[in-house]
Amino acid sequence: MLFQNKLLRFYLITSLGLSIISLATFLNIDKYFHSIGYLGLALSLRTVSSCVLGYNANYIIKKINVLNSFILSFTLGIISIFCIYIGFYYHNFVILLFGIVLIGLPITLTTILLTITLRMASDDSSMFRKYSGSRELFFGFSRLLACLLTPVMLLKISVSSLILTNLMIYLIGLCLFWDLDLKRFANENIPDSFIKINHLILKSNDTWIFICQTIASLSLIALIPLLASSDQISLTKDFPPLLRQSLWSLEAMTMIFGSLIYILAKWSRNSEIIKAILMLNSIFLFVLLYFRQPAMIIFIVMLISLTIMLSFYIFRDDYVITAGKDKSLIEAHAAFSSVMKDLICSISPVLLSYLLASFRLNVAILSILSVQLTLYFGYVLLLKSKNELKAKMIKVAK
């Protein structure tokens, strides 16, 4: 228990430092470079490199062990912070974009490492779910603090000064890191077959169920970043700048609420009705066709964000638990779940910015919902196939 608590405190501090820097970066891209295209590109490319890293993360962790993987994460974080600082200081979008691409790497690698260490340190799936939910609660709290502090700090100091200030916060996490006992998670042997495990899991029914679930439920994940960071989208273009920027805090608040629901409302984890709602969350946007008041927009956006957060917690942990106690498979599932999220995060900003800027809202909503419905029916068929196979295996065993 003590190890898990120390790990979560370390995660809170490092997440806070990177969250403030990331948020300040996205809030200032429009201001410095005057283009929603640049904003969408930055949001997208932030996760492309993370997706590539996530796909190979289990191999990297096996090669250099958990302790050195955490050190690699810190190193990448510091390099990315300096690149972002230089990009803003010299108004150079290429260097800034390179820093944005890099800043997703420590977030992704640390998330995967936490999933692995929490799963291996937990005696059963119930304890793992508890600490996994707490991890998201801590991350949500750090994001909420970042969303509340960043717009206010930017009124007082420049973005360059803010970045250097939060570099100090990030380095505090390094002090907490050295207090963690991570040697017990060192990998002694590397199975020859392990390098191929990412390809092997694609043949698993559980993996394709997870793919359908996450693509459907996370398709709107870029909605809040786009609405909060750009004044060129019809839903929020008339919002006062500070109110529009504060929409970032809704994402952090829903991380906290989603984590609490996940930890406390155990019934929500296995309900197929809840899973259907989570996978078809774009249906809530239809309300905005008839009610465009700021309060209603904020409520609907917050509701959708809540479904996104809750869905990923449920579907990711379901997927990790299907690996049982097989360490290699746990690492592969943890890495693949992060890859899927990053892949969706890299595509969602580009597609949503195109749909919201080029089409009427009803056309954009119907396009998203049609994709979600297709994926939901695919999930239902895969689940039915899995249950039938399980029933046959039980019958043979008898």
Protein backbone atom coordinates (compact mmCIF):
# COMPACT_ATOMS: atom_id res chain seq x y z
CA MET A 1 0.00 0.00 0.00
CA LEU A 2 2.82 2.41 0.91
CA PHE A 3 4.51 1.87 -2.46
CA GLN A 4 1.31 2.59 -4.40
CA ASN A 5 0.71 5.80 -2.42
CA LYS A 6 4.26 7.04 -3.04
CA LEU A 7 3.87 6.23 -6.73
CA LEU A 8 0.65 8.23 -6.92
CA ARG A 9 2.20 11.26 -5.19
CA PHE A 10 5.08 11.19 -7.65
CA TYR A 11 2.58 11.02 -10.53
CA LEU A 12 0.62 13.98 -9.15
CA ILE A 13 3.62 16.33 -9.10
CA THR A 14 5.04 15.38 -12.50
CA SER A 15 1.58 15.53 -14.09
CA LEU A 16 0.99 19.00 -12.65
CA GLY A 17 4.20 20.39 -14.13
CA LEU A 18 3.63 18.92 -17.60
CA SER A 19 -0.10 19.78 -17.59
CA ILE A 20 0.49 23.48 -16.94
CA ILE A 21 3.14 23.66 -19.66
CA SER A 22 0.99 21.75 -22.17
CA LEU A 23 -2.08 23.89 -21.47
CA ALA A 24 -0.13 27.16 -21.69
CA THR A 25 1.28 25.98 -25.02
CA PHE A 26 -2.10 25.23 -26.59
CA LEU A 27 -3.67 28.43 -25.26
CA ASN A 28 -0.92 30.50 -26.92
CA ILE A 29 -0.62 28.82 -30.33
CA ASP A 30 -3.61 30.74 -31.70
CA LYS A 31 -2.26 33.95 -30.13
CA TYR A 32 1.26 33.59 -31.52
CA PHE A 33 0.57 31.99 -34.92
CA HIS A 34 -3.12 32.90 -35.65
CA SER A 35 -4.25 29.57 -37.15
CA ILE A 36 -6.71 26.88 -36.05
CA GLY A 37 -4.87 24.63 -38.50
CA TYR A 38 -1.67 25.00 -36.46
CA LEU A 39 -3.65 24.25 -33.30
CA GLY A 40 -5.22 21.11 -34.76
CA LEU A 41 -1.83 19.99 -36.08
CA ALA A 42 -0.19 20.53 -32.69
CA LEU A 43 -2.93 18.63 -30.83
CA SER A 44 -2.65 15.80 -33.33
CA LEU A 45 1.14 15.48 -33.55
CA ARG A 46 1.45 15.58 -29.76
CA THR A 47 0.07 12.06 -29.74
CA VAL A 48 1.51 10.64 -32.97
CA SER A 49 4.95 10.13 -31.42
CA SER A 50 3.29 8.91 -28.22
CA CYS A 51 1.42 6.35 -30.28
CA VAL A 52 4.67 5.08 -31.82
CA LEU A 53 6.34 4.97 -28.40
CA GLY A 54 3.35 3.23 -26.83
CA TYR A 55 3.42 0.52 -29.48
CA ASN A 56 7.07 -0.23 -28.70
CA ALA A 57 6.95 0.61 -24.98
CA ASN A 58 6.77 -2.97 -23.73
CA TYR A 59 9.89 -3.85 -25.76
CA ILE A 60 11.74 -0.77 -24.46
CA ILE A 61 10.77 -1.53 -20.85
CA LYS A 62 12.00 -5.11 -21.27
CA LYS A 63 15.30 -3.90 -22.72
CA ILE A 64 16.18 -1.19 -20.17
CA ASN A 65 13.95 -2.24 -17.19
CA VAL A 66 11.31 -0.23 -15.30
CA LEU A 67 13.74 1.98 -13.36
CA ASN A 68 15.62 3.15 -16.46
CA SER A 69 12.33 3.60 -18.32
CA PHE A 70 11.23 6.10 -15.68
CA ILE A 71 14.57 7.92 -16.05
CA LEU A 72 14.10 7.98 -19.85
CA SER A 73 10.67 9.50 -19.30
CA PHE A 74 12.15 12.31 -17.19
CA THR A 75 14.85 13.02 -19.75
CA LEU A 76 12.34 13.30 -22.59
CA GLY A 77 10.19 15.59 -20.46
CA ILE A 78 13.04 18.03 -19.76
CA ILE A 79 14.10 18.12 -23.44
CA SER A 80 10.52 18.82 -24.54
CA ILE A 81 10.12 21.65 -22.02
CA PHE A 82 13.26 23.42 -23.29
CA CYS A 83 12.15 23.01 -26.93
CA ILE A 84 8.76 24.57 -26.17
CA TYR A 85 10.47 27.42 -24.32
CA ILE A 86 12.81 28.13 -27.26
CA GLY A 87 9.92 27.86 -29.76
CA PHE A 88 7.89 30.55 -28.01
CA TYR A 89 10.91 32.74 -27.23
CA TYR A 90 11.97 32.88 -30.89
CA HIS A 91 8.46 32.54 -32.36
CA ASN A 92 9.59 29.41 -34.21
CA PHE A 93 6.69 27.02 -34.82
CA VAL A 94 8.91 24.16 -36.02
CA ILE A 95 10.92 24.04 -32.77
CA LEU A 96 7.72 24.51 -30.77
CA LEU A 97 6.06 21.66 -32.65
CA PHE A 98 9.07 19.44 -31.95
CA GLY A 99 8.67 20.18 -28.22
CA ILE A 100 4.94 19.44 -28.42
CA VAL A 101 5.66 16.13 -30.14
CA LEU A 102 8.17 15.22 -27.43
CA ILE A 103 6.00 16.26 -24.46
CA GLY A 104 3.57 13.45 -25.17
CA LEU A 105 6.33 10.85 -24.72
CA PRO A 106 6.94 11.15 -20.95
CA ILE A 107 3.19 11.27 -20.32
CA THR A 108 2.63 8.10 -22.34
CA LEU A 109 5.60 6.17 -20.97
CA THR A 110 4.83 7.10 -17.37
CA THR A 111 1.19 6.09 -17.80
CA ILE A 112 2.21 2.68 -19.14
CA LEU A 113 4.78 2.21 -16.38
CA LEU A 114 2.20 3.08 -13.73
CA THR A 115 -0.28 0.59 -15.18
CA ILE A 116 2.36 -2.15 -15.10
CA THR A 117 3.70 -1.40 -11.62
CA LEU A 118 0.24 -0.96 -10.07
CA ARG A 119 -0.98 -4.22 -11.61
CA MET A 120 2.08 -6.20 -10.47
CA ALA A 121 2.01 -4.64 -6.99
CA SER A 122 -1.71 -5.41 -6.50
CA ASP A 123 -2.82 -8.73 -5.04
CA ASP A 124 -6.03 -8.94 -7.04
CA SER A 125 -8.04 -7.16 -9.75
CA SER A 126 -10.16 -5.29 -7.18
CA MET A 127 -7.09 -3.66 -5.62
CA PHE A 128 -5.71 -2.86 -9.08
CA ARG A 129 -8.96 -1.15 -10.06
CA LYS A 130 -8.89 0.85 -6.82
CA TYR A 131 -5.38 2.21 -7.41
CA SER A 132 -5.92 2.59 -11.14
CA GLY A 133 -8.98 4.71 -10.40
CA SER A 134 -6.99 6.66 -7.81
CA ARG A 135 -4.28 7.25 -10.41
CA GLU A 136 -6.85 8.87 -12.71
CA LEU A 137 -8.20 10.85 -9.76
CA PHE A 138 -4.73 12.24 -9.06
CA PHE A 139 -4.18 13.02 -12.73
CA GLY A 140 -7.57 14.72 -12.92
CA PHE A 141 -6.78 16.80 -9.83
CA SER A 142 -3.45 17.89 -11.35
CA ARG A 143 -5.20 18.81 -14.61
CA LEU A 144 -7.87 20.76 -12.73
CA LEU A 145 -5.20 22.74 -10.87
CA ALA A 146 -3.43 23.35 -14.17
CA CYS A 147 -6.63 24.51 -15.89
CA LEU A 148 -7.47 26.90 -13.04
CA LEU A 149 -3.95 28.27 -12.59
CA THR A 150 -2.70 28.56 -16.17
CA PRO A 151 -5.08 31.27 -17.53
CA VAL A 152 -4.54 33.34 -14.37
CA MET A 153 -0.75 32.91 -14.48
CA LEU A 154 -0.71 33.93 -18.15
CA LEU A 155 -2.35 37.23 -17.16
CA LYS A 156 0.56 37.94 -14.80
CA ILE A 157 3.62 36.48 -16.56
CA SER A 158 4.70 35.55 -20.08
CA VAL A 159 4.38 32.02 -21.40
CA SER A 160 8.19 31.68 -21.36
CA SER A 161 8.37 32.59 -17.66
CA LEU A 162 5.52 30.19 -16.91
CA ILE A 163 7.35 27.32 -18.64
CA LEU A 164 10.55 27.89 -16.63
CA THR A 165 8.55 28.13 -13.39
CA ASN A 166 6.86 24.81 -13.99
CA LEU A 167 10.12 23.16 -14.95
CA MET A 168 10.95 23.50 -11.25
CA ILE A 169 7.71 21.70 -10.33
CA TYR A 170 8.57 18.91 -12.75
CA LEU A 171 12.03 18.55 -11.18
CA ILE A 172 10.45 18.16 -7.72
CA GLY A 173 8.96 14.94 -9.10
CA LEU A 174 12.52 13.71 -9.67
CA CYS A 175 13.19 14.03 -5.93
CA LEU A 176 10.08 11.94 -5.16
CA PHE A 177 11.11 9.40 -7.79
CA TRP A 178 14.32 8.42 -6.01
CA ASP A 179 12.27 7.47 -2.94
CA LEU A 180 10.50 4.71 -4.91
CA ASP A 181 11.65 1.10 -4.67
CA LEU A 182 11.44 0.03 -8.32
CA LYS A 183 14.23 -2.58 -8.38
CA ARG A 184 11.76 -5.42 -7.75
CA PHE A 185 10.18 -4.71 -11.15
CA ALA A 186 13.46 -5.13 -13.03
CA ASN A 187 13.24 -7.61 -15.88
CA GLU A 188 15.83 -10.38 -15.75
CA ASN A 189 15.18 -12.27 -18.98
CA ILE A 190 13.73 -11.21 -22.33
CA PRO A 191 11.78 -14.00 -24.04
CA ASP A 192 12.55 -14.19 -27.78
CA SER A 193 8.85 -14.25 -28.52
CA PHE A 194 8.17 -11.09 -26.53
CA ILE A 195 9.18 -8.74 -29.36
CA LYS A 196 6.27 -10.12 -31.40
CA ILE A 197 3.65 -9.82 -28.67
CA ASN A 198 2.10 -6.60 -30.03
CA HIS A 199 1.34 -8.44 -33.27
CA LEU A 200 0.05 -11.50 -31.43
CA ILE A 201 -2.46 -9.59 -29.32
CA LEU A 202 -4.07 -8.26 -32.52
CA LYS A 203 -5.32 -11.80 -33.08
CA SER A 204 -7.13 -11.74 -29.73
CA ASN A 205 -10.89 -11.23 -29.54
CA ASP A 206 -10.36 -9.14 -26.39
CA THR A 207 -8.12 -6.73 -28.31
CA TRP A 208 -10.68 -6.11 -31.07
CA ILE A 209 -13.43 -5.63 -28.49
CA PHE A 210 -11.21 -3.01 -26.84
CA ILE A 211 -10.50 -1.34 -30.20
CA CYS A 212 -14.21 -0.98 -31.00
CA GLN A 213 -14.96 0.31 -27.50
CA THR A 214 -12.21 2.94 -27.40
CA ILE A 215 -12.56 4.32 -30.93
CA ALA A 216 -16.31 4.79 -30.42
CA SER A 217 -16.18 6.27 -26.92
CA LEU A 218 -13.09 8.48 -27.42
CA SER A 219 -13.92 9.88 -30.87
CA LEU A 220 -14.89 13.24 -29.30
CA ILE A 221 -11.83 13.46 -27.07
CA ALA A 222 -10.53 16.58 -28.85
CA LEU A 223 -13.80 18.50 -28.46
CA ILE A 224 -12.88 20.44 -25.31
CA PRO A 225 -9.30 21.29 -26.42
CA LEU A 226 -10.60 22.68 -29.71
CA LEU A 227 -13.49 24.64 -28.15
CA ALA A 228 -11.27 26.03 -25.37
CA SER A 229 -8.27 26.97 -27.51
CA SER A 230 -9.84 28.44 -30.65
CA ASP A 231 -12.26 31.31 -31.27
CA GLN A 232 -13.07 30.06 -34.79
CA ILE A 233 -15.65 27.38 -33.84
CA SER A 234 -19.29 28.48 -33.91
CA LEU A 235 -20.27 26.88 -30.59
CA THR A 236 -17.88 29.02 -28.54
CA LYS A 237 -16.73 31.86 -30.79
CA ASP A 238 -18.96 34.35 -28.90
CA PHE A 239 -17.66 33.26 -25.49
CA PRO A 240 -15.47 35.79 -23.60
CA PRO A 241 -11.82 34.63 -23.90
CA LEU A 242 -11.41 33.78 -20.21
CA LEU A 243 -14.67 31.77 -20.16
CA ARG A 244 -13.68 29.93 -23.33
CA GLN A 245 -10.21 29.10 -21.97
CA SER A 246 -11.72 27.90 -18.69
CA LEU A 247 -13.42 25.08 -20.62
CA TRP A 248 -10.10 23.25 -20.20
CA SER A 249 -10.99 22.91 -16.51
CA LEU A 250 -14.12 20.92 -17.45
CA GLU A 251 -11.89 18.15 -18.79
CA ALA A 252 -9.97 18.03 -15.52
CA MET A 253 -13.16 18.12 -13.44
CA THR A 254 -14.62 15.20 -15.38
CA MET A 255 -11.39 13.24 -14.79
CA ILE A 256 -12.00 13.64 -11.07
CA PHE A 257 -15.73 12.87 -11.25
CA GLY A 258 -15.11 9.96 -13.59
CA SER A 259 -12.48 8.53 -11.24
CA LEU A 260 -14.83 8.83 -8.24
CA ILE A 261 -17.67 7.16 -10.14
CA TYR A 262 -15.32 4.42 -11.27
CA ILE A 263 -14.03 3.78 -7.74
CA LEU A 264 -17.36 4.04 -5.90
CA ALA A 265 -20.02 2.93 -8.42
CA LYS A 266 -18.83 -0.61 -9.08
CA TRP A 267 -22.08 -1.46 -10.88
CA SER A 268 -21.13 0.93 -13.70
CA ARG A 269 -18.16 -1.25 -14.70
CA ASN A 270 -20.17 -4.21 -15.97
CA SER A 271 -23.45 -2.68 -17.12
CA GLU A 272 -23.98 -3.18 -20.86
CA ILE A 273 -26.45 -0.28 -20.90
CA ILE A 274 -23.78 2.04 -19.49
CA LYS A 275 -21.28 0.76 -22.04
CA ALA A 276 -23.73 1.46 -24.88
CA ILE A 277 -24.21 5.05 -23.66
CA LEU A 278 -20.46 5.53 -23.38
CA MET A 279 -19.88 4.27 -26.92
CA LEU A 280 -22.66 6.45 -28.40
CA ASN A 281 -21.89 9.65 -26.49
CA SER A 282 -22.19 11.94 -29.54
CA ILE A 283 -25.97 11.62 -29.22
CA PHE A 284 -25.85 14.27 -26.47
CA LEU A 285 -24.68 16.85 -29.04
CA PHE A 286 -28.14 16.81 -30.65
CA VAL A 287 -29.35 18.94 -27.72
CA LEU A 288 -27.14 21.78 -28.98
CA LEU A 289 -29.11 21.91 -32.25
CA TYR A 290 -32.00 23.43 -30.29
CA PHE A 291 -30.35 25.03 -27.25
CA ARG A 292 -27.24 27.18 -27.80
CA GLN A 293 -27.13 28.99 -24.47
CA PRO A 294 -23.60 29.07 -22.94
CA ALA A 295 -24.79 27.19 -19.85
CA MET A 296 -26.25 24.39 -21.99
CA ILE A 297 -23.10 24.18 -24.15
CA ILE A 298 -20.94 23.89 -21.03
CA PHE A 299 -23.24 21.24 -19.52
CA ILE A 300 -23.32 19.07 -22.67
CA VAL A 301 -19.58 19.37 -23.24
CA MET A 302 -18.94 18.42 -19.61
CA LEU A 303 -21.33 15.45 -19.89
CA ILE A 304 -19.58 14.16 -23.02
CA SER A 305 -16.17 14.62 -21.40
CA LEU A 306 -17.38 12.62 -18.38
CA THR A 307 -18.47 9.73 -20.61
CA ILE A 308 -15.09 9.82 -22.37
CA MET A 309 -13.11 9.66 -19.13
CA LEU A 310 -15.29 6.98 -17.55
CA SER A 311 -15.29 4.85 -20.70
CA PHE A 312 -11.51 4.76 -20.96
CA TYR A 313 -11.10 3.82 -17.30
CA ILE A 314 -13.58 0.96 -17.66
CA PHE A 315 -12.51 -0.36 -21.05
CA ARG A 316 -8.75 -0.06 -20.37
CA ASP A 317 -8.88 -1.87 -17.04
CA ASP A 318 -11.20 -4.54 -18.44
CA TYR A 319 -8.62 -5.13 -21.15
CA VAL A 320 -5.65 -5.25 -18.75
CA ILE A 321 -7.50 -7.67 -16.46
CA THR A 322 -8.09 -10.09 -19.37
CA ALA A 323 -4.30 -10.62 -19.32
CA GLY A 324 -4.62 -12.37 -15.95
CA LYS A 325 -1.30 -12.49 -14.04
CA ASP A 326 0.87 -12.99 -17.14
CA LYS A 327 3.42 -10.17 -16.76
CA SER A 328 4.36 -10.01 -20.43
CA LEU A 329 0.72 -9.93 -21.49
CA ILE A 330 -0.09 -7.28 -18.87
CA GLU A 331 2.71 -5.10 -20.25
CA ALA A 332 1.48 -5.66 -23.81
CA HIS A 333 -2.14 -4.82 -22.93
CA ALA A 334 -1.08 -1.75 -20.93
CA ALA A 335 1.06 -0.52 -23.82
CA PHE A 336 -1.60 -1.25 -26.44
CA SER A 337 -4.31 0.56 -24.44
CA SER A 338 -2.08 3.64 -24.34
CA VAL A 339 -1.35 3.30 -28.06
CA MET A 340 -5.06 3.21 -28.87
CA LYS A 341 -5.76 6.32 -26.82
CA ASP A 342 -2.86 8.18 -28.41
CA LEU A 343 -3.90 7.08 -31.90
CA ILE A 344 -7.42 8.40 -31.34
CA CYS A 345 -6.05 11.61 -29.81
CA SER A 346 -3.92 12.14 -32.91
CA ILE A 347 -6.83 11.68 -35.34
CA SER A 348 -9.68 13.30 -33.37
CA PRO A 349 -8.36 16.93 -33.46
CA VAL A 350 -7.88 16.87 -37.24
CA LEU A 351 -11.25 15.26 -38.00
CA LEU A 352 -13.24 17.30 -35.49
CA SER A 353 -11.69 20.62 -36.53
CA TYR A 354 -12.53 19.75 -40.16
CA LEU A 355 -16.12 18.67 -39.39
CA LEU A 356 -16.90 21.59 -37.08
CA ALA A 357 -15.34 24.19 -39.39
CA SER A 358 -16.63 22.82 -42.73
CA PHE A 359 -20.14 21.49 -42.03
CA ARG A 360 -23.25 22.41 -40.16
CA LEU A 361 -23.47 20.98 -36.65
CA ASN A 362 -26.21 18.45 -37.51
CA VAL A 363 -24.14 16.97 -40.36
CA ALA A 364 -21.07 16.74 -38.15
CA ILE A 365 -23.02 15.00 -35.37
CA LEU A 366 -24.65 12.50 -37.75
CA SER A 367 -21.25 11.66 -39.25
CA ILE A 368 -19.76 10.93 -35.82
CA LEU A 369 -22.80 8.99 -34.61
CA SER A 370 -22.86 6.78 -37.70
CA VAL A 371 -19.25 5.74 -37.03
CA GLN A 372 -20.03 5.09 -33.37
CA LEU A 373 -23.06 2.94 -34.24
CA THR A 374 -20.97 0.84 -36.64
CA LEU A 375 -18.34 0.26 -33.97
CA TYR A 376 -20.97 -0.53 -31.34
CA PHE A 377 -22.55 -3.24 -33.50
CA GLY A 378 -19.07 -4.60 -34.19
CA TYR A 379 -18.47 -4.75 -30.42
CA VAL A 380 -21.76 -6.61 -29.85
CA LEU A 381 -20.89 -9.23 -32.48
CA LEU A 382 -17.37 -9.73 -31.09
CA LEU A 383 -18.71 -10.06 -27.54
CA LYS A 384 -21.27 -12.61 -28.68
CA SER A 385 -18.53 -14.61 -30.44
CA LYS A 386 -16.34 -14.48 -27.32
CA ASN A 387 -19.14 -15.69 -25.04
CA GLU A 388 -20.02 -18.53 -27.40
CA LEU A 389 -16.39 -19.65 -27.52
CA LYS A 390 -16.18 -19.50 -23.73
CA ALA A 391 -19.36 -21.59 -23.40
CA LYS A 392 -17.94 -24.24 -25.77
CA MET A 393 -14.70 -24.40 -23.77
CA ILE A 394 -16.64 -24.88 -20.51
CA LYS A 395 -18.71 -27.62 -22.12
CA VAL A 396 -15.56 -29.41 -23.36
CA ALA A 397 -13.94 -29.11 -19.94
CA LYS A 398 -16.92 -30.84 -18.36
